[in-house]
Amino acid sequence: MYASMDYGANMEIFKIAERLRRDMTAPEKIIWDRVCKNQPGDRRSNILDGVN
């Protein structure tokens, strides 16, 4: 059985999701920067190693 990725979400939900992806907080930017730079290995441990 094939399921749609939008799960019945309307356009307003997609607009909100786009805004959240575009307007990240400073901590979110730091985390995603580390995730993108740390390609090999366990990404979760790589991210948490530098967090106090």
C-alpha atoms as a PDB file:
ATOM      1  CA  MET A   1       0.000   0.000   0.000  1.00  0.00           C
ATOM      2  CA  TYR A   2       1.325   3.431  -0.970  1.00  0.00           C
ATOM      3  CA  ALA A   3       1.035   6.309   1.504  1.00  0.00           C
ATOM      4  CA  SER A   4       1.316   9.927   0.475  1.00  0.00           C
ATOM      5  CA  MET A   5       4.118  11.875   2.150  1.00  0.00           C
ATOM      6  CA  ASP A   6       1.848  14.783   2.989  1.00  0.00           C
ATOM      7  CA  TYR A   7      -0.568  12.672   5.088  1.00  0.00           C
ATOM      8  CA  GLY A   8      -3.415  14.989   4.128  1.00  0.00           C
ATOM      9  CA  ALA A   9      -1.676  18.196   5.277  1.00  0.00           C
ATOM     10  CA  ASN A  10      -2.990  21.401   3.755  1.00  0.00           C
ATOM     11  CA  MET A  11      -0.925  24.193   2.185  1.00  0.00           C
ATOM     12  CA  GLU A  12      -0.797  26.156   5.456  1.00  0.00           C
ATOM     13  CA  ILE A  13       1.131  23.292   7.083  1.00  0.00           C
ATOM     14  CA  PHE A  14       3.636  23.297   4.206  1.00  0.00           C
ATOM     15  CA  LYS A  15       4.096  27.071   4.527  1.00  0.00           C
ATOM     16  CA  ILE A  16       4.736  26.766   8.266  1.00  0.00           C
ATOM     17  CA  ALA A  17       7.238  23.934   7.694  1.00  0.00           C
ATOM     18  CA  GLU A  18       9.068  25.986   5.065  1.00  0.00           C
ATOM     19  CA  ARG A  19       9.286  28.969   7.428  1.00  0.00           C
ATOM     20  CA  LEU A  20      10.624  26.783  10.260  1.00  0.00           C
ATOM     21  CA  ARG A  21      13.320  25.348   7.974  1.00  0.00           C
ATOM     22  CA  ARG A  22      14.288  28.809   6.728  1.00  0.00           C
ATOM     23  CA  ASP A  23      14.254  30.639  10.093  1.00  0.00           C
ATOM     24  CA  MET A  24      16.302  28.372  12.349  1.00  0.00           C
ATOM     25  CA  THR A  25      17.385  29.387  15.837  1.00  0.00           C
ATOM     26  CA  ALA A  26      21.085  29.778  16.630  1.00  0.00           C
ATOM     27  CA  PRO A  27      21.279  26.370  18.390  1.00  0.00           C
ATOM     28  CA  GLU A  28      19.555  24.672  15.437  1.00  0.00           C
ATOM     29  CA  LYS A  29      22.069  26.233  13.027  1.00  0.00           C
ATOM     30  CA  ILE A  30      24.983  24.979  15.154  1.00  0.00           C
ATOM     31  CA  ILE A  31      23.591  21.456  15.296  1.00  0.00           C
ATOM     32  CA  TRP A  32      22.839  21.254  11.554  1.00  0.00           C
ATOM     33  CA  ASP A  33      26.265  22.713  10.740  1.00  0.00           C
ATOM     34  CA  ARG A  34      27.891  19.958  12.786  1.00  0.00           C
ATOM     35  CA  VAL A  35      25.675  17.276  11.271  1.00  0.00           C
ATOM     36  CA  CYS A  36      26.501  18.375   7.728  1.00  0.00           C
ATOM     37  CA  LYS A  37      30.259  18.519   8.394  1.00  0.00           C
ATOM     38  CA  ASN A  38      30.433  15.131  10.162  1.00  0.00           C
ATOM     39  CA  GLN A  39      29.632  12.750   7.337  1.00  0.00           C
ATOM     40  CA  PRO A  40      31.304   9.522   8.559  1.00  0.00           C
ATOM     41  CA  GLY A  41      30.624   7.839  11.896  1.00  0.00           C
ATOM     42  CA  ASP A  42      27.802   8.166  14.378  1.00  0.00           C
ATOM     43  CA  ARG A  43      26.433  11.647  13.885  1.00  0.00           C
ATOM     44  CA  ARG A  44      24.700  11.786  17.258  1.00  0.00           C
ATOM     45  CA  SER A  45      27.896  11.182  19.192  1.00  0.00           C
ATOM     46  CA  ASN A  46      29.819  13.619  16.979  1.00  0.00           C
ATOM     47  CA  ILE A  47      27.308  16.372  17.758  1.00  0.00           C
ATOM     48  CA  LEU A  48      27.130  15.700  21.490  1.00  0.00           C
ATOM     49  CA  ASP A  49      30.918  15.494  21.957  1.00  0.00           C
ATOM     50  CA  GLY A  50      31.180  19.288  21.682  1.00  0.00           C
ATOM     51  CA  VAL A  51      28.112  20.160  23.751  1.00  0.00           C
ATOM     52  CA  ASN A  52      28.518  20.942  27.471  1.00  0.00           C
END
